[in-house]
Amino acid sequence: MRKKIITVFAVCLLALCLTVVFVACDDNTGGGGGDDKGTLYSIQAPAASDVYTVSGLPEGAYEGDTVTFTVTLTDPENSILTSVKVEYEELEADENGTYSFAMPANAVTVEINAHAFAEQLTDGGVTFAAENPTTITVGGDNGCGYWSEDGPWIDCWKF
């Protein structure tokens, strides 16, 4: 009799465990107890670059999720970040340098435009490539001048 009671108790315990497992894995709860948020859409990250790094950008998100990431210039003194776009919409960084956007109901591509300044040293001076023009104006006025402490007149030159 004792053997029958232990067998019945073991069968009931097994049935209870299986019931808990099947209820916890019901597809109506999102496949394991999580919220069913819908379709996971992909986020296409920009190609790797020597000019910048991207951090915090996930591979995908659900519609309506807020996606945040940062873009850091590798050499900020010699490069510039001109734009960060998601599907042709330009993003602005917040005060911490973080970019964010609301995930639409489709896959998106993140586009980052950043350029390094091409330095060319010649004759001890620094010049920049034609893609990064720099204008320097030095002015003076012919006919102007001043008296030096020693007395001779010193002319101003127009450049």
N, C-alpha and C. Protein backbone atom coordinates (compact mmCIF):
# COMPACT_ATOMS: atom_id res chain seq x y z
N MET A 1 0.82 -1.19 0.00
CA MET A 1 0.00 0.00 0.00
C MET A 1 0.87 1.26 0.00
N ARG A 2 1.92 1.22 0.76
CA ARG A 2 2.81 2.37 0.85
C ARG A 2 3.44 2.65 -0.52
N LYS A 3 3.76 1.62 -1.27
CA LYS A 3 4.35 1.78 -2.60
C LYS A 3 3.37 2.44 -3.55
N LYS A 4 2.09 2.13 -3.46
CA LYS A 4 1.08 2.74 -4.32
C LYS A 4 0.91 4.22 -4.00
N ILE A 5 0.96 4.60 -2.75
CA ILE A 5 0.81 6.01 -2.35
C ILE A 5 1.99 6.82 -2.89
N ILE A 6 3.19 6.31 -2.78
CA ILE A 6 4.38 7.02 -3.28
C ILE A 6 4.31 7.15 -4.80
N THR A 7 3.86 6.11 -5.50
CA THR A 7 3.74 6.16 -6.95
C THR A 7 2.69 7.18 -7.38
N VAL A 8 1.54 7.20 -6.73
CA VAL A 8 0.48 8.17 -7.05
C VAL A 8 0.98 9.59 -6.77
N PHE A 9 1.67 9.78 -5.65
CA PHE A 9 2.20 11.10 -5.30
C PHE A 9 3.22 11.56 -6.36
N ALA A 10 4.09 10.68 -6.81
CA ALA A 10 5.10 11.02 -7.82
C ALA A 10 4.44 11.37 -9.15
N VAL A 11 3.40 10.64 -9.54
CA VAL A 11 2.69 10.92 -10.79
C VAL A 11 2.00 12.28 -10.70
N CYS A 12 1.36 12.56 -9.57
CA CYS A 12 0.70 13.87 -9.39
C CYS A 12 1.71 15.01 -9.42
N LEU A 13 2.85 14.83 -8.80
CA LEU A 13 3.90 15.86 -8.79
C LEU A 13 4.43 16.08 -10.20
N LEU A 14 4.63 15.03 -10.96
CA LEU A 14 5.09 15.14 -12.34
C LEU A 14 4.05 15.88 -13.19
N ALA A 15 2.78 15.55 -13.02
CA ALA A 15 1.72 16.23 -13.77
C ALA A 15 1.67 17.71 -13.43
N LEU A 16 1.86 18.05 -12.17
CA LEU A 16 1.87 19.46 -11.76
C LEU A 16 3.05 20.20 -12.39
N CYS A 17 4.21 19.59 -12.39
CA CYS A 17 5.40 20.21 -12.99
C CYS A 17 5.21 20.43 -14.49
N LEU A 18 4.68 19.45 -15.19
CA LEU A 18 4.45 19.59 -16.63
C LEU A 18 3.42 20.67 -16.92
N THR A 19 2.41 20.80 -16.10
CA THR A 19 1.41 21.85 -16.27
C THR A 19 2.04 23.23 -16.14
N VAL A 20 2.89 23.41 -15.14
CA VAL A 20 3.57 24.70 -14.95
C VAL A 20 4.46 25.01 -16.14
N VAL A 21 5.19 24.03 -16.64
CA VAL A 21 6.09 24.25 -17.77
C VAL A 21 5.30 24.64 -19.02
N PHE A 22 4.21 23.95 -19.32
CA PHE A 22 3.42 24.27 -20.51
C PHE A 22 2.73 25.62 -20.41
N VAL A 23 2.27 26.00 -19.25
CA VAL A 23 1.62 27.31 -19.07
C VAL A 23 2.65 28.42 -19.23
N ALA A 24 3.85 28.22 -18.70
CA ALA A 24 4.89 29.25 -18.78
C ALA A 24 5.39 29.45 -20.20
N CYS A 25 5.30 28.43 -21.05
CA CYS A 25 5.79 28.52 -22.42
C CYS A 25 4.69 28.75 -23.43
N ASP A 26 3.53 29.18 -23.01
CA ASP A 26 2.41 29.42 -23.92
C ASP A 26 2.77 30.53 -24.89
N ASP A 27 2.50 30.36 -26.20
CA ASP A 27 2.81 31.37 -27.21
C ASP A 27 2.00 32.63 -27.05
N ASN A 28 0.91 32.61 -26.34
CA ASN A 28 0.09 33.81 -26.15
C ASN A 28 0.76 34.82 -25.24
N THR A 29 1.81 34.43 -24.54
CA THR A 29 2.51 35.37 -23.66
C THR A 29 3.81 35.83 -24.27
N GLY A 30 4.01 35.62 -25.54
CA GLY A 30 5.22 36.11 -26.21
C GLY A 30 6.34 35.11 -26.22
N GLY A 31 6.06 33.85 -26.00
CA GLY A 31 7.10 32.83 -26.11
C GLY A 31 7.97 32.72 -24.89
N GLY A 32 7.39 32.74 -23.71
CA GLY A 32 8.20 32.53 -22.52
C GLY A 32 7.97 33.58 -21.47
N GLY A 33 6.91 34.28 -21.51
CA GLY A 33 6.59 35.22 -20.45
C GLY A 33 6.86 36.66 -20.80
N GLY A 34 7.56 36.98 -21.90
CA GLY A 34 7.83 38.37 -22.25
C GLY A 34 6.68 39.00 -22.99
N ASP A 35 6.72 40.32 -23.13
CA ASP A 35 5.68 41.02 -23.89
C ASP A 35 5.90 40.80 -25.37
N ASP A 36 4.82 40.57 -26.12
CA ASP A 36 4.91 40.43 -27.56
C ASP A 36 4.89 41.83 -28.17
N LYS A 37 6.06 42.30 -28.60
CA LYS A 37 6.18 43.67 -29.11
C LYS A 37 6.01 43.75 -30.62
N GLY A 38 5.82 42.63 -31.27
CA GLY A 38 5.65 42.65 -32.72
C GLY A 38 6.91 42.22 -33.43
N THR A 39 7.14 42.83 -34.59
CA THR A 39 8.26 42.47 -35.45
C THR A 39 9.52 43.22 -35.04
N LEU A 40 10.62 42.51 -34.99
CA LEU A 40 11.92 43.12 -34.72
C LEU A 40 12.50 43.57 -36.06
N TYR A 41 12.69 44.89 -36.24
CA TYR A 41 13.22 45.43 -37.49
C TYR A 41 14.72 45.67 -37.35
N SER A 42 15.46 45.43 -38.44
CA SER A 42 16.92 45.55 -38.39
C SER A 42 17.36 47.01 -38.52
N ILE A 43 18.51 47.27 -37.93
CA ILE A 43 19.16 48.58 -38.03
C ILE A 43 20.50 48.34 -38.69
N GLN A 44 20.67 48.88 -39.89
CA GLN A 44 21.91 48.71 -40.65
C GLN A 44 22.91 49.76 -40.18
N ALA A 45 23.97 49.32 -39.55
CA ALA A 45 25.00 50.24 -39.05
C ALA A 45 25.92 50.66 -40.19
N PRO A 46 26.57 51.82 -40.05
CA PRO A 46 27.52 52.24 -41.08
C PRO A 46 28.75 51.33 -41.08
N ALA A 47 29.45 51.34 -42.18
CA ALA A 47 30.67 50.54 -42.30
C ALA A 47 31.72 51.05 -41.31
N ALA A 48 32.63 50.19 -40.94
CA ALA A 48 33.70 50.57 -40.03
C ALA A 48 34.52 51.71 -40.64
N SER A 49 35.03 52.58 -39.78
CA SER A 49 35.74 53.76 -40.26
C SER A 49 36.95 54.05 -39.38
N ASP A 50 37.99 54.63 -39.98
CA ASP A 50 39.14 55.09 -39.22
C ASP A 50 38.89 56.46 -38.62
N VAL A 51 37.85 57.15 -39.08
CA VAL A 51 37.57 58.52 -38.65
C VAL A 51 36.70 58.56 -37.40
N TYR A 52 35.80 57.59 -37.22
CA TYR A 52 34.87 57.61 -36.09
C TYR A 52 34.55 56.19 -35.62
N THR A 53 33.98 56.11 -34.41
CA THR A 53 33.46 54.85 -33.89
C THR A 53 32.02 55.07 -33.46
N VAL A 54 31.21 54.04 -33.60
CA VAL A 54 29.80 54.08 -33.19
C VAL A 54 29.64 53.10 -32.04
N SER A 55 28.99 53.55 -30.96
CA SER A 55 28.76 52.66 -29.83
C SER A 55 27.31 52.74 -29.39
N GLY A 56 26.82 51.62 -28.91
CA GLY A 56 25.46 51.56 -28.38
C GLY A 56 24.37 51.36 -29.41
N LEU A 57 24.72 51.19 -30.67
CA LEU A 57 23.71 51.01 -31.72
C LEU A 57 23.32 49.54 -31.79
N PRO A 58 22.05 49.20 -31.49
CA PRO A 58 21.64 47.80 -31.54
C PRO A 58 21.49 47.32 -32.98
N GLU A 59 21.42 46.01 -33.15
CA GLU A 59 21.24 45.42 -34.48
C GLU A 59 19.80 45.49 -34.94
N GLY A 60 18.87 45.69 -34.00
CA GLY A 60 17.46 45.76 -34.34
C GLY A 60 16.65 46.36 -33.22
N ALA A 61 15.41 46.74 -33.53
CA ALA A 61 14.50 47.31 -32.53
C ALA A 61 13.07 47.10 -33.01
N TYR A 62 12.14 47.26 -32.07
CA TYR A 62 10.72 47.13 -32.39
C TYR A 62 10.14 48.50 -32.71
N GLU A 63 9.07 48.52 -33.47
CA GLU A 63 8.40 49.77 -33.83
C GLU A 63 8.06 50.56 -32.57
N GLY A 64 8.43 51.84 -32.57
CA GLY A 64 8.15 52.72 -31.45
C GLY A 64 9.24 52.77 -30.41
N ASP A 65 10.20 51.84 -30.44
CA ASP A 65 11.31 51.87 -29.49
C ASP A 65 12.17 53.10 -29.74
N THR A 66 12.74 53.66 -28.69
CA THR A 66 13.71 54.75 -28.84
C THR A 66 15.09 54.13 -28.93
N VAL A 67 15.76 54.37 -30.04
CA VAL A 67 17.10 53.84 -30.28
C VAL A 67 18.10 54.95 -30.01
N THR A 68 19.09 54.69 -29.16
CA THR A 68 20.11 55.69 -28.84
C THR A 68 21.49 55.11 -29.13
N PHE A 69 22.40 55.99 -29.54
CA PHE A 69 23.78 55.59 -29.82
C PHE A 69 24.66 56.82 -29.80
N THR A 70 25.97 56.61 -29.77
CA THR A 70 26.92 57.72 -29.80
C THR A 70 27.90 57.53 -30.96
N VAL A 71 28.39 58.65 -31.45
CA VAL A 71 29.41 58.67 -32.50
C VAL A 71 30.58 59.46 -31.94
N THR A 72 31.76 58.85 -31.94
CA THR A 72 32.95 59.49 -31.40
C THR A 72 34.00 59.60 -32.49
N LEU A 73 34.52 60.81 -32.70
CA LEU A 73 35.60 60.99 -33.68
C LEU A 73 36.88 60.40 -33.12
N THR A 74 37.62 59.68 -33.94
CA THR A 74 38.86 59.06 -33.52
C THR A 74 39.92 60.11 -33.21
N ASP A 75 40.01 61.14 -34.05
CA ASP A 75 40.96 62.23 -33.87
C ASP A 75 40.20 63.54 -34.03
N PRO A 76 39.52 64.02 -32.96
CA PRO A 76 38.64 65.18 -33.10
C PRO A 76 39.33 66.47 -33.55
N GLU A 77 40.63 66.60 -33.31
CA GLU A 77 41.32 67.83 -33.71
C GLU A 77 41.57 67.88 -35.22
N ASN A 78 41.60 66.74 -35.87
CA ASN A 78 41.91 66.69 -37.29
C ASN A 78 40.80 66.08 -38.12
N SER A 79 39.57 66.10 -37.61
CA SER A 79 38.44 65.56 -38.35
C SER A 79 37.16 66.29 -37.97
N ILE A 80 36.12 66.07 -38.76
CA ILE A 80 34.85 66.75 -38.53
C ILE A 80 33.70 65.78 -38.81
N LEU A 81 32.68 65.84 -37.97
CA LEU A 81 31.46 65.07 -38.16
C LEU A 81 30.45 65.99 -38.80
N THR A 82 30.11 65.73 -40.07
CA THR A 82 29.23 66.65 -40.79
C THR A 82 27.76 66.30 -40.66
N SER A 83 27.41 65.01 -40.56
CA SER A 83 25.99 64.67 -40.40
C SER A 83 25.82 63.24 -39.91
N VAL A 84 24.70 63.03 -39.21
CA VAL A 84 24.25 61.70 -38.80
C VAL A 84 22.80 61.61 -39.23
N LYS A 85 22.48 60.62 -40.09
CA LYS A 85 21.13 60.50 -40.64
C LYS A 85 20.59 59.09 -40.45
N VAL A 86 19.27 59.02 -40.31
CA VAL A 86 18.55 57.75 -40.32
C VAL A 86 17.45 57.89 -41.35
N GLU A 87 17.55 57.11 -42.42
CA GLU A 87 16.56 57.18 -43.51
C GLU A 87 16.33 58.62 -43.97
N TYR A 88 17.38 59.31 -44.28
CA TYR A 88 17.37 60.67 -44.84
C TYR A 88 16.93 61.73 -43.84
N GLU A 89 16.69 61.39 -42.60
CA GLU A 89 16.34 62.38 -41.58
C GLU A 89 17.58 62.66 -40.75
N GLU A 90 18.00 63.93 -40.74
CA GLU A 90 19.21 64.28 -40.00
C GLU A 90 18.92 64.32 -38.51
N LEU A 91 19.82 63.72 -37.73
CA LEU A 91 19.68 63.68 -36.28
C LEU A 91 20.59 64.72 -35.65
N GLU A 92 20.18 65.24 -34.51
CA GLU A 92 20.99 66.18 -33.73
C GLU A 92 21.38 65.49 -32.43
N ALA A 93 22.61 65.68 -32.00
CA ALA A 93 23.07 65.09 -30.75
C ALA A 93 22.54 65.90 -29.57
N ASP A 94 22.30 65.22 -28.45
CA ASP A 94 21.90 65.94 -27.24
C ASP A 94 23.16 66.48 -26.56
N GLU A 95 23.01 67.05 -25.36
CA GLU A 95 24.14 67.68 -24.68
C GLU A 95 25.24 66.69 -24.31
N ASN A 96 24.93 65.39 -24.30
CA ASN A 96 25.93 64.37 -23.99
C ASN A 96 26.54 63.74 -25.24
N GLY A 97 26.15 64.23 -26.41
CA GLY A 97 26.66 63.67 -27.66
C GLY A 97 25.95 62.40 -28.09
N THR A 98 24.77 62.16 -27.54
CA THR A 98 23.99 60.97 -27.86
C THR A 98 22.95 61.28 -28.92
N TYR A 99 22.84 60.42 -29.91
CA TYR A 99 21.83 60.54 -30.96
C TYR A 99 20.70 59.57 -30.65
N SER A 100 19.47 59.94 -31.00
CA SER A 100 18.35 59.03 -30.78
C SER A 100 17.28 59.24 -31.84
N PHE A 101 16.51 58.17 -32.07
CA PHE A 101 15.39 58.24 -33.00
C PHE A 101 14.37 57.18 -32.61
N ALA A 102 13.12 57.40 -33.04
CA ALA A 102 12.05 56.43 -32.80
C ALA A 102 12.07 55.43 -33.95
N MET A 103 12.09 54.16 -33.61
CA MET A 103 12.15 53.11 -34.62
C MET A 103 10.84 53.03 -35.39
N PRO A 104 10.91 53.17 -36.73
CA PRO A 104 9.69 53.03 -37.55
C PRO A 104 9.36 51.55 -37.77
N ALA A 105 8.30 51.30 -38.50
CA ALA A 105 7.86 49.92 -38.78
C ALA A 105 8.54 49.36 -40.01
N ASN A 106 9.84 49.60 -40.14
CA ASN A 106 10.62 49.05 -41.24
C ASN A 106 12.10 49.07 -40.85
N ALA A 107 12.89 48.32 -41.58
CA ALA A 107 14.33 48.32 -41.36
C ALA A 107 14.90 49.69 -41.74
N VAL A 108 15.94 50.13 -41.03
CA VAL A 108 16.53 51.45 -41.29
C VAL A 108 18.04 51.32 -41.48
N THR A 109 18.60 52.35 -42.11
CA THR A 109 20.04 52.45 -42.29
C THR A 109 20.52 53.73 -41.63
N VAL A 110 21.57 53.62 -40.83
CA VAL A 110 22.19 54.79 -40.20
C VAL A 110 23.34 55.23 -41.09
N GLU A 111 23.36 56.51 -41.45
CA GLU A 111 24.40 57.06 -42.32
C GLU A 111 25.17 58.12 -41.54
N ILE A 112 26.49 57.98 -41.51
CA ILE A 112 27.34 58.94 -40.80
C ILE A 112 28.34 59.51 -41.80
N ASN A 113 28.40 60.84 -41.87
CA ASN A 113 29.36 61.52 -42.73
C ASN A 113 30.37 62.22 -41.85
N ALA A 114 31.61 61.78 -41.94
CA ALA A 114 32.70 62.38 -41.19
C ALA A 114 33.95 62.32 -42.06
N HIS A 115 34.79 63.33 -41.93
CA HIS A 115 35.98 63.42 -42.78
C HIS A 115 37.18 63.84 -41.95
N ALA A 116 38.33 63.28 -42.29
CA ALA A 116 39.59 63.70 -41.70
C ALA A 116 40.21 64.74 -42.61
N PHE A 117 40.87 65.72 -42.02
CA PHE A 117 41.57 66.73 -42.80
C PHE A 117 42.86 66.13 -43.33
N ALA A 118 43.09 66.29 -44.62
CA ALA A 118 44.31 65.77 -45.23
C ALA A 118 45.40 66.83 -45.14
N GLU A 119 46.37 66.62 -44.26
CA GLU A 119 47.46 67.57 -44.11
C GLU A 119 48.58 67.25 -45.09
N GLN A 120 49.17 68.31 -45.63
CA GLN A 120 50.32 68.15 -46.51
C GLN A 120 51.36 69.18 -46.06
N LEU A 121 52.48 68.71 -45.56
CA LEU A 121 53.54 69.61 -45.11
C LEU A 121 54.44 69.95 -46.28
N THR A 122 54.62 71.25 -46.52
CA THR A 122 55.52 71.71 -47.58
C THR A 122 56.26 72.93 -47.08
N ASP A 123 57.57 72.93 -47.24
CA ASP A 123 58.41 74.06 -46.87
C ASP A 123 58.15 74.53 -45.45
N GLY A 124 57.92 73.61 -44.55
CA GLY A 124 57.72 73.98 -43.16
C GLY A 124 56.36 74.56 -42.87
N GLY A 125 55.47 74.63 -43.85
CA GLY A 125 54.13 75.17 -43.61
C GLY A 125 53.09 74.08 -43.76
N VAL A 126 51.92 74.34 -43.29
CA VAL A 126 50.83 73.38 -43.39
C VAL A 126 49.83 73.87 -44.40
N THR A 127 49.47 73.02 -45.35
CA THR A 127 48.41 73.34 -46.30
C THR A 127 47.35 72.25 -46.19
N PHE A 128 46.17 72.55 -46.64
CA PHE A 128 45.07 71.60 -46.57
C PHE A 128 44.64 71.23 -47.97
N ALA A 129 44.02 70.08 -48.09
CA ALA A 129 43.54 69.60 -49.37
C ALA A 129 42.45 70.51 -49.91
N ALA A 130 42.21 70.44 -51.20
CA ALA A 130 41.22 71.29 -51.86
C ALA A 130 39.81 71.06 -51.32
N GLU A 131 39.54 69.85 -50.78
CA GLU A 131 38.21 69.57 -50.23
C GLU A 131 37.94 70.38 -48.96
N ASN A 132 38.98 70.90 -48.34
CA ASN A 132 38.86 71.67 -47.10
C ASN A 132 39.52 73.04 -47.27
N PRO A 133 38.93 73.92 -48.07
CA PRO A 133 39.58 75.21 -48.33
C PRO A 133 39.65 76.08 -47.08
N THR A 134 40.75 76.81 -46.98
CA THR A 134 40.95 77.75 -45.88
C THR A 134 41.37 79.08 -46.49
N THR A 135 40.73 80.16 -46.08
CA THR A 135 41.07 81.49 -46.58
C THR A 135 41.69 82.29 -45.45
N ILE A 136 42.85 82.85 -45.71
CA ILE A 136 43.52 83.70 -44.73
C ILE A 136 43.71 85.06 -45.38
N THR A 137 43.24 86.11 -44.73
CA THR A 137 43.38 87.46 -45.25
C THR A 137 44.22 88.27 -44.28
N VAL A 138 45.26 88.88 -44.81
CA VAL A 138 46.11 89.77 -44.01
C VAL A 138 45.96 91.14 -44.62
N GLY A 139 45.62 92.11 -43.81
CA GLY A 139 45.37 93.44 -44.36
C GLY A 139 46.29 94.50 -43.77
N GLY A 140 46.41 95.55 -44.48
CA GLY A 140 47.16 96.73 -44.05
C GLY A 140 46.76 97.85 -44.98
N ASP A 141 47.28 99.00 -44.79
CA ASP A 141 46.90 100.13 -45.63
C ASP A 141 48.17 100.85 -46.05
N ASN A 142 48.40 100.94 -47.36
CA ASN A 142 49.54 101.72 -47.84
C ASN A 142 49.35 103.16 -47.41
N GLY A 143 50.41 103.78 -47.07
CA GLY A 143 50.34 105.18 -46.68
C GLY A 143 50.16 105.36 -45.18
N CYS A 144 50.06 104.28 -44.47
CA CYS A 144 49.96 104.44 -43.02
C CYS A 144 51.30 104.10 -42.42
N GLY A 145 51.50 104.47 -41.21
CA GLY A 145 52.74 104.17 -40.55
C GLY A 145 52.74 104.73 -39.15
N TYR A 146 53.87 104.59 -38.51
CA TYR A 146 54.00 105.13 -37.16
C TYR A 146 55.47 105.39 -36.90
N TRP A 147 55.71 106.23 -35.91
CA TRP A 147 57.08 106.53 -35.52
C TRP A 147 57.54 105.51 -34.50
N SER A 148 58.71 104.95 -34.72
CA SER A 148 59.25 104.00 -33.75
C SER A 148 59.89 104.77 -32.61
N GLU A 149 60.28 104.07 -31.57
CA GLU A 149 60.90 104.73 -30.42
C GLU A 149 62.23 105.35 -30.81
N ASP A 150 62.91 104.76 -31.81
CA ASP A 150 64.20 105.29 -32.24
C ASP A 150 64.04 106.49 -33.16
N GLY A 151 62.83 106.74 -33.62
CA GLY A 151 62.61 107.89 -34.45
C GLY A 151 62.27 107.65 -35.89
N PRO A 152 62.73 106.55 -36.56
CA PRO A 152 62.39 106.43 -37.97
C PRO A 152 60.92 106.04 -38.18
N TRP A 153 60.42 106.48 -39.31
CA TRP A 153 59.04 106.19 -39.70
C TRP A 153 58.96 104.75 -40.21
N ILE A 154 57.96 103.99 -39.74
CA ILE A 154 57.78 102.61 -40.18
C ILE A 154 56.48 102.54 -40.95
N ASP A 155 56.58 102.05 -42.22
CA ASP A 155 55.41 101.95 -43.09
C ASP A 155 54.61 100.69 -42.78
N CYS A 156 53.29 100.78 -43.02
CA CYS A 156 52.42 99.60 -43.00
C CYS A 156 52.37 99.06 -44.42
N TRP A 157 52.26 97.81 -44.55
CA TRP A 157 52.23 97.20 -45.87
C TRP A 157 50.90 96.53 -46.12
N LYS A 158 50.45 96.58 -47.36
CA LYS A 158 49.23 95.91 -47.74
C LYS A 158 49.60 94.60 -48.41
N PHE A 159 49.01 93.52 -47.93
CA PHE A 159 49.30 92.19 -48.48
C PHE A 159 48.16 91.71 -49.30
